[in-house]
Amino acid sequence: MNQRRRIFFAIFGGYHLIILFFVMYIDSNKEDFGILSQLYGKISMLKYGAVLGVVLFVADFVWTWIENKNAEKAQEALRLENNALKAKVYDFQEANKPANPAVKEVTPSDSKSL
């Protein structure tokens, strides 16, 4: 995993920790109507926080999809290069085989006379 990806996951994890602490704070003060009414006044901030979470999730999804596509392209390029190298090795092996004219091929009609 590269450094940018680690930074992204640190931000994503920090976002989730903030949400967790916020929910725990609200849960511990659910009997205090004053805090809940103050929170109602700042509901737009909660909307922005939710939008931020969705944006981070979509960014992670797109980033993963792009990395998978790039990995597939790299894998295909390596496969093609491997096949080209195999073909070159085969050509070198065929070129290095001695063409020995002294060896006579035996046909089925010649084998009966032996």
N, C-alpha and C. Protein backbone atom coordinates (compact mmCIF):
# COMPACT_ATOMS: atom_id res chain seq x y z
N MET A 1 0.85 -1.17 0.00
CA MET A 1 0.00 0.00 0.00
C MET A 1 0.90 1.24 0.00
N ASN A 2 0.62 2.17 -0.89
CA ASN A 2 1.47 3.35 -1.00
C ASN A 2 1.14 4.38 0.08
N GLN A 3 1.97 5.40 0.16
CA GLN A 3 1.85 6.40 1.23
C GLN A 3 0.54 7.20 1.12
N ARG A 4 0.14 7.54 -0.10
CA ARG A 4 -1.12 8.29 -0.27
C ARG A 4 -2.30 7.49 0.21
N ARG A 5 -2.27 6.19 -0.04
CA ARG A 5 -3.37 5.33 0.39
C ARG A 5 -3.43 5.25 1.92
N ARG A 6 -2.27 5.19 2.57
CA ARG A 6 -2.24 5.16 4.03
C ARG A 6 -2.79 6.46 4.62
N ILE A 7 -2.42 7.58 4.01
CA ILE A 7 -2.93 8.87 4.48
C ILE A 7 -4.45 8.93 4.31
N PHE A 8 -4.94 8.45 3.18
CA PHE A 8 -6.38 8.44 2.95
C PHE A 8 -7.09 7.59 4.00
N PHE A 9 -6.57 6.41 4.28
CA PHE A 9 -7.21 5.55 5.28
C PHE A 9 -7.09 6.13 6.68
N ALA A 10 -6.03 6.88 6.96
CA ALA A 10 -5.92 7.55 8.26
C ALA A 10 -7.02 8.61 8.39
N ILE A 11 -7.26 9.37 7.33
CA ILE A 11 -8.34 10.36 7.34
C ILE A 11 -9.69 9.68 7.47
N PHE A 12 -9.88 8.60 6.71
CA PHE A 12 -11.14 7.86 6.74
C PHE A 12 -11.38 7.27 8.14
N GLY A 13 -10.33 6.70 8.73
CA GLY A 13 -10.45 6.15 10.08
C GLY A 13 -10.70 7.24 11.11
N GLY A 14 -10.03 8.40 10.97
CA GLY A 14 -10.27 9.51 11.88
C GLY A 14 -11.69 10.01 11.79
N TYR A 15 -12.23 10.06 10.59
CA TYR A 15 -13.63 10.45 10.40
C TYR A 15 -14.55 9.50 11.17
N HIS A 16 -14.31 8.22 11.05
CA HIS A 16 -15.16 7.26 11.75
C HIS A 16 -15.00 7.36 13.27
N LEU A 17 -13.79 7.62 13.73
CA LEU A 17 -13.59 7.80 15.17
C LEU A 17 -14.34 9.03 15.69
N ILE A 18 -14.31 10.12 14.94
CA ILE A 18 -15.05 11.31 15.33
C ILE A 18 -16.55 11.02 15.41
N ILE A 19 -17.06 10.32 14.41
CA ILE A 19 -18.48 9.94 14.41
C ILE A 19 -18.79 9.08 15.63
N LEU A 20 -17.90 8.12 15.94
CA LEU A 20 -18.12 7.24 17.09
C LEU A 20 -18.15 8.03 18.40
N PHE A 21 -17.18 8.93 18.59
CA PHE A 21 -17.15 9.72 19.81
C PHE A 21 -18.36 10.65 19.90
N PHE A 22 -18.77 11.20 18.77
CA PHE A 22 -19.95 12.07 18.76
C PHE A 22 -21.20 11.31 19.17
N VAL A 23 -21.37 10.14 18.62
CA VAL A 23 -22.54 9.33 18.96
C VAL A 23 -22.51 8.92 20.43
N MET A 24 -21.33 8.57 20.93
CA MET A 24 -21.22 8.20 22.34
C MET A 24 -21.54 9.41 23.24
N TYR A 25 -21.10 10.61 22.83
CA TYR A 25 -21.40 11.82 23.61
C TYR A 25 -22.90 12.09 23.63
N ILE A 26 -23.53 11.99 22.49
CA ILE A 26 -24.99 12.23 22.41
C ILE A 26 -25.73 11.18 23.23
N ASP A 27 -25.28 9.93 23.16
CA ASP A 27 -25.94 8.87 23.91
C ASP A 27 -25.81 9.08 25.42
N SER A 28 -24.66 9.59 25.85
CA SER A 28 -24.48 9.80 27.28
C SER A 28 -25.27 11.01 27.78
N ASN A 29 -25.64 11.93 26.91
CA ASN A 29 -26.39 13.14 27.30
C ASN A 29 -27.80 13.14 26.74
N LYS A 30 -28.37 11.98 26.51
CA LYS A 30 -29.71 11.95 25.91
C LYS A 30 -30.79 12.44 26.85
N GLU A 31 -30.52 12.51 28.15
CA GLU A 31 -31.49 13.01 29.11
C GLU A 31 -31.47 14.54 29.20
N ASP A 32 -30.38 15.16 28.75
CA ASP A 32 -30.23 16.62 28.84
C ASP A 32 -30.84 17.26 27.61
N PHE A 33 -32.00 17.85 27.78
CA PHE A 33 -32.72 18.44 26.65
C PHE A 33 -32.01 19.68 26.10
N GLY A 34 -31.25 20.39 26.93
CA GLY A 34 -30.54 21.59 26.48
C GLY A 34 -29.49 21.27 25.43
N ILE A 35 -28.73 20.20 25.66
CA ILE A 35 -27.70 19.81 24.69
C ILE A 35 -28.34 19.36 23.38
N LEU A 36 -29.43 18.61 23.49
CA LEU A 36 -30.10 18.13 22.27
C LEU A 36 -30.70 19.29 21.48
N SER A 37 -31.22 20.30 22.16
CA SER A 37 -31.78 21.45 21.44
C SER A 37 -30.67 22.28 20.79
N GLN A 38 -29.50 22.37 21.44
CA GLN A 38 -28.37 23.06 20.82
C GLN A 38 -27.92 22.31 19.57
N LEU A 39 -27.94 21.00 19.66
CA LEU A 39 -27.54 20.19 18.52
C LEU A 39 -28.51 20.35 17.36
N TYR A 40 -29.78 20.54 17.67
CA TYR A 40 -30.77 20.73 16.61
C TYR A 40 -30.46 21.99 15.81
N GLY A 41 -29.91 22.99 16.49
CA GLY A 41 -29.53 24.22 15.80
C GLY A 41 -28.36 24.03 14.86
N LYS A 42 -27.56 23.00 15.09
CA LYS A 42 -26.38 22.75 14.25
C LYS A 42 -26.57 21.51 13.37
N ILE A 43 -27.79 21.24 13.01
CA ILE A 43 -28.08 20.04 12.21
C ILE A 43 -27.43 20.13 10.83
N SER A 44 -27.21 21.34 10.31
CA SER A 44 -26.57 21.47 9.00
C SER A 44 -25.14 20.92 9.04
N MET A 45 -24.46 21.07 10.18
CA MET A 45 -23.11 20.51 10.29
C MET A 45 -23.16 18.98 10.23
N LEU A 46 -24.19 18.40 10.78
CA LEU A 46 -24.35 16.94 10.70
C LEU A 46 -24.58 16.50 9.26
N LYS A 47 -25.32 17.31 8.52
CA LYS A 47 -25.54 17.00 7.10
C LYS A 47 -24.21 17.02 6.34
N TYR A 48 -23.39 18.05 6.61
CA TYR A 48 -22.10 18.15 5.94
C TYR A 48 -21.18 16.99 6.33
N GLY A 49 -21.27 16.58 7.58
CA GLY A 49 -20.49 15.42 8.03
C GLY A 49 -20.91 14.15 7.31
N ALA A 50 -22.22 13.98 7.12
CA ALA A 50 -22.71 12.80 6.41
C ALA A 50 -22.27 12.83 4.95
N VAL A 51 -22.33 14.01 4.33
CA VAL A 51 -21.89 14.15 2.94
C VAL A 51 -20.40 13.85 2.84
N LEU A 52 -19.62 14.32 3.81
CA LEU A 52 -18.19 14.03 3.82
C LEU A 52 -17.94 12.52 3.88
N GLY A 53 -18.70 11.82 4.70
CA GLY A 53 -18.56 10.37 4.80
C GLY A 53 -18.86 9.68 3.48
N VAL A 54 -19.90 10.12 2.80
CA VAL A 54 -20.26 9.53 1.51
C VAL A 54 -19.17 9.83 0.48
N VAL A 55 -18.65 11.05 0.49
CA VAL A 55 -17.59 11.42 -0.46
C VAL A 55 -16.34 10.57 -0.22
N LEU A 56 -15.98 10.38 1.05
CA LEU A 56 -14.82 9.54 1.35
C LEU A 56 -15.04 8.10 0.90
N PHE A 57 -16.24 7.59 1.10
CA PHE A 57 -16.55 6.22 0.68
C PHE A 57 -16.48 6.09 -0.84
N VAL A 58 -17.05 7.04 -1.56
CA VAL A 58 -17.01 6.99 -3.03
C VAL A 58 -15.58 7.13 -3.53
N ALA A 59 -14.80 8.01 -2.89
CA ALA A 59 -13.40 8.18 -3.29
C ALA A 59 -12.63 6.88 -3.11
N ASP A 60 -12.88 6.18 -2.02
CA ASP A 60 -12.21 4.90 -1.80
C ASP A 60 -12.64 3.87 -2.84
N PHE A 61 -13.91 3.83 -3.16
CA PHE A 61 -14.41 2.90 -4.16
C PHE A 61 -13.78 3.16 -5.52
N VAL A 62 -13.75 4.44 -5.94
CA VAL A 62 -13.19 4.80 -7.24
C VAL A 62 -11.69 4.52 -7.26
N TRP A 63 -11.00 4.85 -6.18
CA TRP A 63 -9.56 4.64 -6.10
C TRP A 63 -9.24 3.15 -6.22
N THR A 64 -9.98 2.30 -5.53
CA THR A 64 -9.77 0.86 -5.61
C THR A 64 -10.04 0.35 -7.02
N TRP A 65 -11.10 0.84 -7.65
CA TRP A 65 -11.44 0.41 -9.01
C TRP A 65 -10.32 0.79 -9.99
N ILE A 66 -9.79 2.01 -9.86
CA ILE A 66 -8.71 2.46 -10.75
C ILE A 66 -7.45 1.62 -10.53
N GLU A 67 -7.12 1.34 -9.26
CA GLU A 67 -5.93 0.51 -8.98
C GLU A 67 -6.09 -0.89 -9.55
N ASN A 68 -7.28 -1.46 -9.46
CA ASN A 68 -7.51 -2.80 -10.02
C ASN A 68 -7.36 -2.79 -11.54
N LYS A 69 -7.88 -1.77 -12.19
CA LYS A 69 -7.74 -1.66 -13.64
C LYS A 69 -6.27 -1.55 -14.03
N ASN A 70 -5.51 -0.72 -13.32
CA ASN A 70 -4.09 -0.57 -13.62
C ASN A 70 -3.33 -1.87 -13.36
N ALA A 71 -3.70 -2.59 -12.32
CA ALA A 71 -3.04 -3.87 -12.03
C ALA A 71 -3.34 -4.89 -13.13
N GLU A 72 -4.57 -4.90 -13.64
CA GLU A 72 -4.91 -5.81 -14.74
C GLU A 72 -4.12 -5.48 -15.99
N LYS A 73 -3.98 -4.18 -16.29
CA LYS A 73 -3.20 -3.78 -17.47
C LYS A 73 -1.74 -4.18 -17.32
N ALA A 74 -1.20 -3.99 -16.13
CA ALA A 74 0.20 -4.36 -15.89
C ALA A 74 0.38 -5.87 -16.00
N GLN A 75 -0.57 -6.62 -15.49
CA GLN A 75 -0.51 -8.09 -15.57
C GLN A 75 -0.56 -8.55 -17.03
N GLU A 76 -1.41 -7.92 -17.82
CA GLU A 76 -1.51 -8.27 -19.25
C GLU A 76 -0.21 -7.93 -19.98
N ALA A 77 0.39 -6.77 -19.65
CA ALA A 77 1.65 -6.38 -20.28
C ALA A 77 2.75 -7.38 -19.91
N LEU A 78 2.79 -7.80 -18.66
CA LEU A 78 3.79 -8.79 -18.25
C LEU A 78 3.58 -10.14 -18.94
N ARG A 79 2.32 -10.52 -19.12
CA ARG A 79 2.02 -11.78 -19.81
C ARG A 79 2.48 -11.72 -21.26
N LEU A 80 2.22 -10.59 -21.92
CA LEU A 80 2.65 -10.45 -23.32
C LEU A 80 4.17 -10.43 -23.42
N GLU A 81 4.84 -9.76 -22.49
CA GLU A 81 6.30 -9.73 -22.51
C GLU A 81 6.86 -11.13 -22.26
N ASN A 82 6.24 -11.87 -21.37
CA ASN A 82 6.68 -13.24 -21.09
C ASN A 82 6.53 -14.11 -22.33
N ASN A 83 5.42 -13.98 -23.03
CA ASN A 83 5.22 -14.76 -24.25
C ASN A 83 6.24 -14.38 -25.33
N ALA A 84 6.55 -13.09 -25.44
CA ALA A 84 7.55 -12.66 -26.43
C ALA A 84 8.92 -13.23 -26.09
N LEU A 85 9.27 -13.22 -24.81
CA LEU A 85 10.56 -13.79 -24.40
C LEU A 85 10.61 -15.30 -24.63
N LYS A 86 9.51 -15.98 -24.39
CA LYS A 86 9.47 -17.42 -24.66
C LYS A 86 9.67 -17.69 -26.15
N ALA A 87 9.06 -16.86 -26.99
CA ALA A 87 9.22 -17.03 -28.44
C ALA A 87 10.67 -16.80 -28.86
N LYS A 88 11.32 -15.81 -28.28
CA LYS A 88 12.73 -15.56 -28.60
C LYS A 88 13.61 -16.72 -28.17
N VAL A 89 13.37 -17.25 -26.99
CA VAL A 89 14.16 -18.39 -26.51
C VAL A 89 13.96 -19.58 -27.43
N TYR A 90 12.72 -19.81 -27.85
CA TYR A 90 12.44 -20.92 -28.76
C TYR A 90 13.17 -20.71 -30.09
N ASP A 91 13.14 -19.48 -30.60
CA ASP A 91 13.84 -19.19 -31.86
C ASP A 91 15.34 -19.42 -31.73
N PHE A 92 15.93 -19.00 -30.61
CA PHE A 92 17.37 -19.22 -30.39
C PHE A 92 17.68 -20.71 -30.31
N GLN A 93 16.83 -21.46 -29.66
CA GLN A 93 17.07 -22.90 -29.54
C GLN A 93 16.97 -23.57 -30.90
N GLU A 94 16.03 -23.17 -31.71
CA GLU A 94 15.87 -23.75 -33.05
C GLU A 94 17.03 -23.35 -33.95
N ALA A 95 17.53 -22.14 -33.79
CA ALA A 95 18.65 -21.69 -34.63
C ALA A 95 19.94 -22.40 -34.25
N ASN A 96 20.10 -22.79 -33.00
CA ASN A 96 21.33 -23.43 -32.54
C ASN A 96 21.34 -24.94 -32.79
N LYS A 97 20.24 -25.52 -33.20
CA LYS A 97 20.22 -26.96 -33.49
C LYS A 97 21.01 -27.20 -34.77
N PRO A 98 21.94 -28.14 -34.72
CA PRO A 98 22.73 -28.39 -35.93
C PRO A 98 21.89 -29.14 -36.96
N ALA A 99 22.00 -28.69 -38.18
CA ALA A 99 21.33 -29.39 -39.29
C ALA A 99 22.33 -30.43 -39.79
N ASN A 100 22.20 -31.67 -39.39
CA ASN A 100 23.15 -32.74 -39.70
C ASN A 100 22.66 -33.50 -40.93
N PRO A 101 23.29 -33.26 -42.08
CA PRO A 101 22.87 -33.98 -43.29
C PRO A 101 23.32 -35.43 -43.29
N ALA A 102 24.24 -35.82 -42.40
CA ALA A 102 24.71 -37.20 -42.37
C ALA A 102 23.66 -38.14 -41.81
N VAL A 103 22.74 -37.61 -41.04
CA VAL A 103 21.69 -38.45 -40.48
C VAL A 103 20.62 -38.61 -41.54
N LYS A 104 20.39 -39.84 -41.88
CA LYS A 104 19.42 -40.13 -42.93
C LYS A 104 18.13 -40.59 -42.26
N GLU A 105 17.06 -40.00 -42.69
CA GLU A 105 15.77 -40.39 -42.13
C GLU A 105 15.39 -41.75 -42.69
N VAL A 106 14.91 -42.59 -41.82
CA VAL A 106 14.52 -43.94 -42.22
C VAL A 106 13.03 -43.92 -42.52
N THR A 107 12.69 -44.32 -43.73
CA THR A 107 11.30 -44.40 -44.10
C THR A 107 10.81 -45.80 -43.84
N PRO A 108 9.54 -46.03 -43.78
CA PRO A 108 9.02 -47.39 -43.52
C PRO A 108 9.43 -48.41 -44.58
N SER A 109 9.59 -48.03 -45.82
CA SER A 109 10.01 -48.98 -46.84
C SER A 109 11.48 -49.37 -46.66
N ASP A 110 12.32 -48.43 -46.16
CA ASP A 110 13.72 -48.75 -45.93
C ASP A 110 13.89 -49.64 -44.70
N SER A 111 13.02 -49.52 -43.76
CA SER A 111 13.18 -50.30 -42.53
C SER A 111 12.95 -51.77 -42.76
N LYS A 112 12.21 -52.16 -43.80
CA LYS A 112 11.98 -53.58 -44.07
C LYS A 112 13.24 -54.21 -44.62
N SER A 113 14.06 -53.46 -45.31
CA SER A 113 15.26 -54.03 -45.89
C SER A 113 16.36 -54.21 -44.86
N LEU A 114 16.27 -53.58 -43.70
CA LEU A 114 17.30 -53.72 -42.70
C LEU A 114 17.12 -55.02 -42.05
